[in-house]
């Protein structure tokens, strides 16, 4: 068994239906971390791989179980259901015991072989180092969705955040302990990491094609992520809605005066049932859109007030001494 003091590195990897990638992920992570720990004169238990199963419906948890039996440095967390990518990462961070913590996705698009570069950069005195993709190895539709996401995010927010960044990053224990104080339920991690401050920098990393399987971020999930990101960090959409509402009200007022003048001064009957209906439908649509926007913010308030746990863990696979207490 290893204790928390033995662990130099914790690698947190969220897993959702990645059965085809898990064996290769473990092989490449082990081949990178073993010599890295040897260079630092750590014991063989100098790193842990935390695989967080986010309610997978395939055999991912079974494979994690087998990896844990083979190598006790593999820790498995099985969440009770699918809580989402960013929450799964948060669960891994909450259970990371290493002095240096690394986050990466399980699809191997961010290569584990980049980890030594992250470690070297962190040693320059930074608290957090994140990866920026030199070039995306995605389908055209994924590239377009990603571009739209960052465009909307950067346009609506005043948060200083680097675009096209990956989830792959490294942080020290001091930073993680501070970050864990953030308790909000609706999470956009890239924004939260940028919000925290501390000494941060980036490095350029490769972005490989998916090793196997397909991306779990479809159009609907990207739209949800965009709404979550924007509403978590800005009131600007509400301000824009109010501003647009005043503009429409002013235009409607001027149009009303114009119609009254036409009717009483120039004796011109204002015909136009179609234009009247178009105006009514337009205003109705705008009002419903604004109500939906307000509902997004109220929904987030409701979620925070409920104060439910961020996630629930169904099963843990770990040989750490602190996990046995």
Protein backbone atom coordinates (compact mmCIF):
# COMPACT_ATOMS: atom_id res chain seq x y z
CA UNK A 1 0.00 0.00 0.00
CA UNK A 2 1.11 3.57 -0.63
CA UNK A 3 0.32 6.63 1.46
CA UNK A 4 -0.34 10.15 0.32
CA UNK A 5 3.26 11.13 1.11
CA UNK A 6 4.58 8.61 -1.42
CA UNK A 7 2.63 10.03 -4.34
CA UNK A 8 4.43 12.62 -6.42
CA UNK A 9 2.01 12.72 -9.36
CA UNK A 10 -1.74 12.20 -9.68
CA UNK A 11 -3.07 11.86 -13.23
CA UNK A 12 -6.82 12.50 -13.37
CA UNK A 13 -8.64 11.09 -16.41
CA UNK A 14 -12.45 11.29 -16.89
CA UNK A 15 -13.82 8.21 -18.66
CA UNK A 16 -17.14 7.92 -20.49
CA UNK A 17 -17.52 4.89 -22.77
CA UNK A 18 -13.81 4.65 -23.58
CA UNK A 19 -13.40 0.85 -23.49
CA UNK A 20 -11.34 0.87 -26.69
CA UNK A 21 -8.93 3.52 -25.42
CA UNK A 22 -8.32 2.43 -21.83
CA UNK A 23 -5.62 -0.26 -22.36
CA UNK A 24 -3.59 2.00 -24.65
CA UNK A 25 -4.10 4.96 -22.32
CA UNK A 26 -2.74 2.96 -19.39
CA UNK A 27 0.20 1.63 -21.40
CA UNK A 28 1.30 5.03 -22.63
CA UNK A 29 0.78 6.75 -19.28
CA UNK A 30 2.83 4.09 -17.50
CA UNK A 31 5.65 4.29 -20.06
CA UNK A 32 5.82 8.06 -19.55
CA UNK A 33 5.41 8.24 -15.76
CA UNK A 34 7.79 5.46 -14.71
CA UNK A 35 10.95 7.08 -16.12
CA UNK A 36 9.69 10.52 -15.03
CA UNK A 37 9.39 9.31 -11.43
CA UNK A 38 12.74 7.52 -11.66
CA UNK A 39 14.42 10.79 -12.65
CA UNK A 40 13.01 12.37 -9.51
CA UNK A 41 14.21 9.48 -7.33
CA UNK A 42 10.66 8.56 -6.33
CA UNK A 43 9.62 5.08 -5.30
CA UNK A 44 7.69 2.85 -7.69
CA UNK A 45 4.49 4.15 -6.06
CA UNK A 46 5.47 7.69 -7.01
CA UNK A 47 2.42 8.24 -9.20
CA UNK A 48 -1.24 7.29 -9.35
CA UNK A 49 -3.64 7.17 -12.27
CA UNK A 50 -7.17 8.17 -11.24
CA UNK A 51 -9.71 6.92 -13.77
CA UNK A 52 -13.14 8.43 -13.14
CA UNK A 53 -15.92 6.40 -14.76
CA UNK A 54 -18.68 8.91 -15.47
CA UNK A 55 -21.58 6.48 -15.75
CA UNK A 56 -20.27 4.54 -18.75
CA UNK A 57 -22.66 2.09 -20.41
CA UNK A 58 -19.90 -0.04 -22.00
CA UNK A 59 -17.24 -2.18 -20.30
CA UNK A 60 -15.07 0.75 -19.21
CA UNK A 61 -15.54 0.08 -15.48
CA UNK A 62 -14.72 -3.61 -15.93
CA UNK A 63 -11.47 -2.67 -17.70
CA UNK A 64 -10.62 -0.16 -14.94
CA UNK A 65 -11.19 -2.94 -12.42
CA UNK A 66 -8.81 -5.24 -14.30
CA UNK A 67 -6.17 -2.50 -14.55
CA UNK A 68 -6.43 -1.91 -10.80
CA UNK A 69 -5.90 -5.62 -10.10
CA UNK A 70 -2.80 -5.57 -12.28
CA UNK A 71 -1.38 -2.27 -11.03
CA UNK A 72 -2.37 -0.86 -7.64
CA UNK A 73 -1.28 2.60 -8.78
CA UNK A 74 -4.52 2.69 -10.78
CA UNK A 75 -7.35 4.20 -8.75
CA UNK A 76 -10.91 3.83 -10.02
CA UNK A 77 -13.86 6.03 -9.15
CA UNK A 78 -17.27 4.93 -10.40
CA UNK A 79 -19.84 7.74 -10.29
CA UNK A 80 -23.44 6.74 -9.64
CA UNK A 81 -24.55 8.12 -13.03
CA UNK A 82 -23.34 10.37 -15.83
CA UNK A 83 -22.69 13.74 -14.18
CA UNK A 84 -20.78 15.26 -17.09
CA UNK A 85 -17.21 15.74 -18.22
CA UNK A 86 -16.30 18.68 -15.98
CA UNK A 87 -17.91 17.21 -12.87
CA UNK A 88 -16.06 13.92 -13.43
CA UNK A 89 -12.77 15.83 -13.53
CA UNK A 90 -13.75 17.61 -10.31
CA UNK A 91 -14.38 14.24 -8.66
CA UNK A 92 -10.89 13.11 -9.67
CA UNK A 93 -9.32 16.31 -8.38
CA UNK A 94 -11.10 15.91 -5.03
CA UNK A 95 -9.54 12.45 -4.67
CA UNK A 96 -6.05 13.26 -5.98
CA UNK A 97 -3.30 12.77 -3.39
CA UNK A 98 -0.23 13.74 -5.42
CA UNK A 99 1.91 16.81 -4.89
CA UNK A 100 1.61 17.50 -8.62
CA UNK A 101 -1.69 16.92 -10.40
CA UNK A 102 -2.17 16.33 -14.12
CA UNK A 103 -5.50 16.40 -15.98
CA UNK A 104 -6.04 14.83 -19.39
CA UNK A 105 -8.88 13.29 -21.37
CA UNK A 106 -9.16 9.58 -22.07
CA UNK A 107 -9.37 9.75 -25.87
CA UNK A 108 -5.57 10.19 -26.29
CA UNK A 109 -5.98 13.28 -28.45
CA UNK A 110 -3.76 15.07 -25.95
CA UNK A 111 -0.71 12.76 -25.95
CA UNK A 112 0.61 11.51 -22.58
CA UNK A 113 4.10 12.01 -24.06
CA UNK A 114 3.58 15.76 -23.53
CA UNK A 115 3.58 15.33 -19.73
CA UNK A 116 7.38 15.82 -19.26
CA UNK A 117 7.07 19.19 -21.04
CA UNK A 118 4.31 20.21 -18.62
CA UNK A 119 6.42 19.13 -15.64
CA UNK A 120 9.44 21.09 -16.88
CA UNK A 121 7.36 24.23 -17.35
CA UNK A 122 5.73 23.90 -13.91
CA UNK A 123 9.21 23.73 -12.32
CA UNK A 124 9.88 27.24 -13.61
CA UNK A 125 7.73 28.49 -10.75
CA UNK A 126 4.20 28.36 -12.12
CA UNK A 127 1.16 27.11 -10.22
CA UNK A 128 -0.78 26.00 -13.31
CA UNK A 129 0.29 25.16 -16.86
CA UNK A 130 -2.32 24.41 -19.53
CA UNK A 131 -1.96 23.12 -23.05
CA UNK A 132 -2.90 25.02 -26.20
CA UNK A 133 -3.42 22.98 -29.34
CA UNK A 134 -1.10 23.94 -32.18
CA UNK A 135 -3.59 22.48 -34.66
CA UNK A 136 -6.81 20.58 -34.07
CA UNK A 137 -7.01 17.01 -35.39
CA UNK A 138 -10.79 16.94 -35.51
CA UNK A 139 -13.51 16.65 -38.10
CA UNK A 140 -14.63 19.85 -39.82
CA UNK A 141 -17.89 19.91 -37.85
CA UNK A 142 -16.00 19.63 -34.55
CA UNK A 143 -13.64 22.43 -35.58
CA UNK A 144 -16.57 24.67 -36.49
CA UNK A 145 -18.39 23.95 -33.22
CA UNK A 146 -15.22 24.63 -31.23
CA UNK A 147 -14.61 27.90 -33.09
CA UNK A 148 -18.18 29.03 -32.47
CA UNK A 149 -17.91 28.14 -28.78
CA UNK A 150 -14.75 30.18 -28.23
CA UNK A 151 -16.08 33.05 -30.36
CA UNK A 152 -19.26 33.33 -28.26
CA UNK A 153 -17.35 32.90 -25.02
CA UNK A 154 -14.71 35.53 -25.81
CA UNK A 155 -17.31 37.95 -27.22
CA UNK A 156 -19.65 37.90 -24.23
CA UNK A 157 -17.14 37.64 -21.40
CA UNK A 158 -14.44 39.94 -20.13
CA UNK A 159 -12.56 37.01 -18.64
CA UNK A 160 -8.97 36.78 -19.82
CA UNK A 161 -8.87 33.26 -21.20
CA UNK A 162 -6.78 31.66 -23.92
CA UNK A 163 -8.77 30.21 -26.79
CA UNK A 164 -8.27 26.74 -28.27
CA UNK A 165 -6.89 25.40 -25.01
CA UNK A 166 -7.16 21.73 -24.19
CA UNK A 167 -8.22 20.15 -20.92
CA UNK A 168 -4.68 18.82 -20.48
CA UNK A 169 -2.95 20.77 -17.72
CA UNK A 170 -0.75 20.43 -14.66
CA UNK A 171 -0.95 22.12 -11.26
CA UNK A 172 0.80 22.02 -7.92
CA UNK A 173 -0.79 21.01 -4.63
CA UNK A 174 -1.08 24.60 -3.38
CA UNK A 175 -3.14 25.55 -6.41
CA UNK A 176 -5.38 22.49 -6.17
CA UNK A 177 -6.09 23.01 -2.47
CA UNK A 178 -7.21 26.57 -3.25
CA UNK A 179 -9.21 25.50 -6.31
CA UNK A 180 -11.14 22.91 -4.28
CA UNK A 181 -12.71 25.75 -2.27
CA UNK A 182 -14.87 26.54 -5.31
CA UNK A 183 -18.21 24.85 -4.64
CA UNK A 184 -20.50 25.98 -7.48
CA UNK A 185 -22.48 23.24 -9.21
CA UNK A 186 -22.59 24.52 -12.81
CA UNK A 187 -18.98 24.10 -13.87
CA UNK A 188 -16.95 25.30 -16.81
CA UNK A 189 -13.46 24.35 -15.71
CA UNK A 190 -11.43 26.38 -18.21
CA UNK A 191 -13.24 29.49 -17.00
CA UNK A 192 -12.81 28.58 -13.33
CA UNK A 193 -9.11 27.93 -13.80
CA UNK A 194 -8.70 31.32 -15.49
CA UNK A 195 -10.75 33.04 -12.76
CA UNK A 196 -8.58 31.75 -9.92
CA UNK A 197 -5.50 33.76 -10.87
CA UNK A 198 -2.19 32.46 -9.43
CA UNK A 199 0.84 32.13 -11.70
CA UNK A 200 -0.40 30.53 -14.92
CA UNK A 201 1.07 29.97 -18.33
CA UNK A 202 0.55 27.78 -21.38
CA UNK A 203 2.57 25.55 -23.67
CA UNK A 204 1.88 24.48 -27.23
CA UNK A 205 1.03 20.79 -27.51
CA UNK A 206 0.16 18.35 -30.25
CA UNK A 207 -3.43 17.34 -30.84
CA UNK A 208 -3.67 13.85 -32.24
CA UNK A 209 -6.66 12.16 -33.87
CA UNK A 210 -8.81 10.09 -31.55
CA UNK A 211 -7.17 6.72 -30.86
CA UNK A 212 -10.51 4.91 -31.05
CA UNK A 213 -14.23 5.59 -30.74
CA UNK A 214 -16.09 8.82 -31.39
CA UNK A 215 -16.33 12.13 -29.58
CA UNK A 216 -18.92 12.34 -26.82
CA UNK A 217 -19.48 16.08 -27.39
CA UNK A 218 -22.36 16.27 -29.87
CA UNK A 219 -24.08 19.48 -30.98
CA UNK A 220 -26.53 19.49 -28.06
CA UNK A 221 -23.76 19.03 -25.48
CA UNK A 222 -21.74 21.84 -27.07
CA UNK A 223 -24.77 24.14 -26.89
CA UNK A 224 -25.31 23.24 -23.21
CA UNK A 225 -21.62 23.83 -22.49
CA UNK A 226 -21.78 27.23 -24.19
CA UNK A 227 -24.83 28.31 -22.17
CA UNK A 228 -23.24 27.00 -19.00
CA UNK A 229 -19.94 28.77 -19.67
CA UNK A 230 -21.51 32.12 -20.55
CA UNK A 231 -24.11 32.24 -17.78
CA UNK A 232 -21.58 31.10 -15.16
CA UNK A 233 -19.27 34.04 -15.77
CA UNK A 234 -21.29 36.95 -17.13
CA UNK A 235 -24.50 38.94 -16.69
CA UNK A 236 -23.97 40.48 -20.13
CA UNK A 237 -26.72 38.41 -21.83
CA UNK A 238 -29.24 39.81 -19.33
CA UNK A 239 -27.94 43.32 -19.91
CA UNK A 240 -28.16 42.87 -23.68
CA UNK A 241 -31.71 41.55 -23.33
CA UNK A 242 -32.71 44.64 -21.33
CA UNK A 243 -31.00 46.97 -23.82
CA UNK A 244 -32.64 45.28 -26.80
CA UNK A 245 -36.00 45.41 -25.01
CA UNK A 246 -35.67 49.20 -24.57
CA UNK A 247 -34.73 49.63 -28.24
CA UNK A 248 -37.76 47.61 -29.38
CA UNK A 249 -40.01 49.57 -27.00
CA UNK A 250 -38.70 52.87 -28.39
CA UNK A 251 -39.24 51.74 -31.99
CA UNK A 252 -42.76 50.58 -31.11
CA UNK A 253 -43.52 53.94 -29.45
CA UNK A 254 -42.32 55.92 -32.48
CA UNK A 255 -44.23 53.62 -34.83
CA UNK A 256 -47.37 54.18 -32.75
CA UNK A 257 -47.02 57.98 -32.99
CA UNK A 258 -46.51 57.68 -36.75
CA UNK A 259 -49.70 55.63 -37.15
CA UNK A 260 -51.73 58.10 -35.04
CA UNK A 261 -50.50 61.00 -37.16
CA UNK A 262 -51.36 59.11 -40.34
CA UNK A 263 -54.86 58.37 -39.11
CA UNK A 264 -55.95 61.72 -37.66
CA UNK A 265 -54.00 64.35 -39.57
CA UNK A 266 -53.92 62.86 -43.03
CA UNK A 267 -57.11 60.77 -42.78
CA UNK A 268 -55.22 57.74 -44.02
CA UNK A 269 -56.59 54.48 -42.76
CA UNK A 270 -53.86 52.21 -41.59
CA UNK A 271 -54.50 48.91 -43.25
CA UNK A 272 -52.32 45.93 -42.70
CA UNK A 273 -53.56 42.97 -40.77
CA UNK A 274 -50.50 41.01 -41.92
CA UNK A 275 -48.01 43.59 -40.64
CA UNK A 276 -49.87 43.74 -37.32
CA UNK A 277 -49.70 39.97 -36.88
CA UNK A 278 -46.02 39.89 -37.85
CA UNK A 279 -45.30 42.55 -35.21
CA UNK A 280 -47.24 40.67 -32.55
CA UNK A 281 -45.54 37.37 -33.34
CA UNK A 282 -42.12 39.03 -33.42
CA UNK A 283 -42.61 40.67 -30.04
CA UNK A 284 -43.99 37.44 -28.61
CA UNK A 285 -40.94 35.55 -29.81
CA UNK A 286 -38.57 38.15 -28.34
CA UNK A 287 -40.37 38.06 -25.00
CA UNK A 288 -40.27 34.26 -24.84
CA UNK A 289 -36.55 34.28 -25.71
CA UNK A 290 -35.86 36.77 -22.92
CA UNK A 291 -37.93 34.74 -20.48
CA UNK A 292 -35.91 31.66 -21.42
CA UNK A 293 -32.67 33.58 -20.83
CA UNK A 294 -33.86 34.75 -17.43
CA UNK A 295 -34.94 31.18 -16.73
CA UNK A 296 -31.37 29.99 -17.35
CA UNK A 297 -30.08 32.26 -14.61
CA UNK A 298 -32.92 31.42 -12.24
CA UNK A 299 -32.30 27.72 -12.86
CA UNK A 300 -28.69 28.15 -11.81
CA UNK A 301 -29.78 29.94 -8.63
CA UNK A 302 -32.19 27.06 -7.94
CA UNK A 303 -29.42 24.49 -8.41
CA UNK A 304 -27.09 26.32 -6.03
CA UNK A 305 -29.83 26.76 -3.40
CA UNK A 306 -30.63 23.04 -3.48
CA UNK A 307 -27.02 22.42 -2.41
CA UNK A 308 -26.99 18.82 -3.58
CA UNK A 309 -23.62 17.06 -3.78
CA UNK A 310 -21.69 17.80 -6.97
CA UNK A 311 -21.47 14.05 -7.62
CA UNK A 312 -22.04 10.69 -5.94
CA UNK A 313 -19.47 7.88 -5.95
CA UNK A 314 -20.85 4.38 -6.33
CA UNK A 315 -17.58 2.46 -5.98
CA UNK A 316 -13.90 3.17 -5.32
CA UNK A 317 -10.93 1.02 -6.29
CA UNK A 318 -7.90 2.17 -4.33
CA UNK A 319 -5.05 0.76 -2.27
CA UNK A 320 -4.07 4.05 -0.66
CA UNK A 321 -3.69 3.94 3.11
CA UNK A 322 -5.78 7.11 3.54
CA UNK A 323 -8.63 5.50 1.59
CA UNK A 324 -8.70 2.55 3.97
CA UNK A 325 -9.31 4.67 7.10
